[in-house]
Amino acid sequence: MYLDVADSSTLPYGWSRYAQFSLAVVNQIHNKYPIRKDTQHQFNGRESDWGFTSFMPLSDLVVEVSQESNWF
């Protein structure tokens, strides 16, 4: 899961922005605890995206969906 600067290739040479942000996966059906990760990054022309290559195990999401909908 990543945060990406929109249209970064059209920004002026030498641009940069510092950001502190959180990314989360939220169960909107039962309002359970979200899985959340906080981070910070200096975005620029060479690094216009930042995030987590492994945010949460897919099996956690699949199990939750199966339990919510009674799928097996």
Protein backbone atom coordinates (compact mmCIF):
# COMPACT_ATOMS: atom_id res chain seq x y z
CA MET A 1 0.00 0.00 0.00
CA TYR A 2 1.52 3.29 -1.12
CA LEU A 3 1.00 7.03 -1.17
CA ASP A 4 1.98 8.52 -4.54
CA VAL A 5 2.35 12.16 -5.62
CA ALA A 6 -0.12 12.77 -8.44
CA ASP A 7 1.38 14.04 -11.72
CA SER A 8 4.86 14.17 -10.17
CA SER A 9 6.49 14.20 -13.63
CA THR A 10 4.88 17.59 -14.35
CA LEU A 11 6.17 19.29 -11.19
CA PRO A 12 9.06 21.77 -11.44
CA TYR A 13 12.66 20.52 -11.29
CA GLY A 14 13.88 20.24 -7.71
CA TRP A 15 10.47 20.00 -6.07
CA SER A 16 10.13 18.20 -2.74
CA ARG A 17 7.57 17.85 0.03
CA TYR A 18 7.83 16.32 3.48
CA ALA A 19 4.78 14.38 4.67
CA GLN A 20 3.74 12.45 7.75
CA PHE A 21 0.86 10.10 7.02
CA SER A 22 -1.04 6.98 8.05
CA LEU A 23 -2.36 4.21 5.84
CA ALA A 24 -5.13 1.97 7.16
CA VAL A 25 -7.39 -0.93 6.27
CA VAL A 26 -10.73 -0.56 8.04
CA ASN A 27 -13.54 -3.08 8.45
CA GLN A 28 -16.48 -0.87 7.51
CA ILE A 29 -19.07 -3.50 8.34
CA HIS A 30 -18.24 -4.13 12.00
CA ASN A 31 -16.04 -1.17 12.92
CA LYS A 32 -13.31 -3.42 14.28
CA TYR A 33 -9.85 -2.14 14.97
CA PRO A 34 -8.24 -0.93 11.76
CA ILE A 35 -4.81 -2.12 10.73
CA ARG A 36 -2.83 1.11 10.59
CA LYS A 37 0.76 2.05 9.88
CA ASP A 38 2.27 5.50 10.36
CA THR A 39 5.25 6.77 8.41
CA GLN A 40 6.97 9.86 7.09
CA HIS A 41 8.82 10.60 3.87
CA GLN A 42 10.50 13.38 1.90
CA PHE A 43 8.87 13.11 -1.53
CA ASN A 44 10.78 14.39 -4.56
CA GLY A 45 11.32 13.76 -8.27
CA ARG A 46 13.24 10.53 -7.65
CA GLU A 47 11.03 9.22 -4.83
CA SER A 48 7.46 10.25 -5.57
CA ASP A 49 5.85 7.29 -3.80
CA TRP A 50 6.29 5.71 -0.40
CA GLY A 51 4.57 3.00 1.57
CA PHE A 52 4.65 -0.62 2.58
CA THR A 53 5.41 -3.58 0.32
CA SER A 54 3.91 -5.85 2.97
CA PHE A 55 1.09 -4.02 4.76
CA MET A 56 -0.78 -7.03 6.17
CA PRO A 57 -1.00 -10.73 5.37
CA LEU A 58 -3.58 -11.41 2.67
CA SER A 59 -4.72 -14.40 4.73
CA ASP A 60 -5.90 -12.01 7.49
CA LEU A 61 -8.11 -10.20 5.01
CA VAL A 62 -9.46 -13.38 3.43
CA VAL A 63 -10.28 -14.96 6.80
CA GLU A 64 -12.09 -11.79 7.90
CA VAL A 65 -14.16 -11.65 4.70
CA SER A 66 -15.01 -15.35 4.99
CA GLN A 67 -16.15 -14.98 8.60
CA GLU A 68 -18.18 -11.86 7.83
CA SER A 69 -20.13 -13.42 4.99
CA ASN A 70 -20.19 -17.06 6.17
CA TRP A 71 -18.25 -18.20 3.09
CA PHE A 72 -16.12 -21.30 3.44
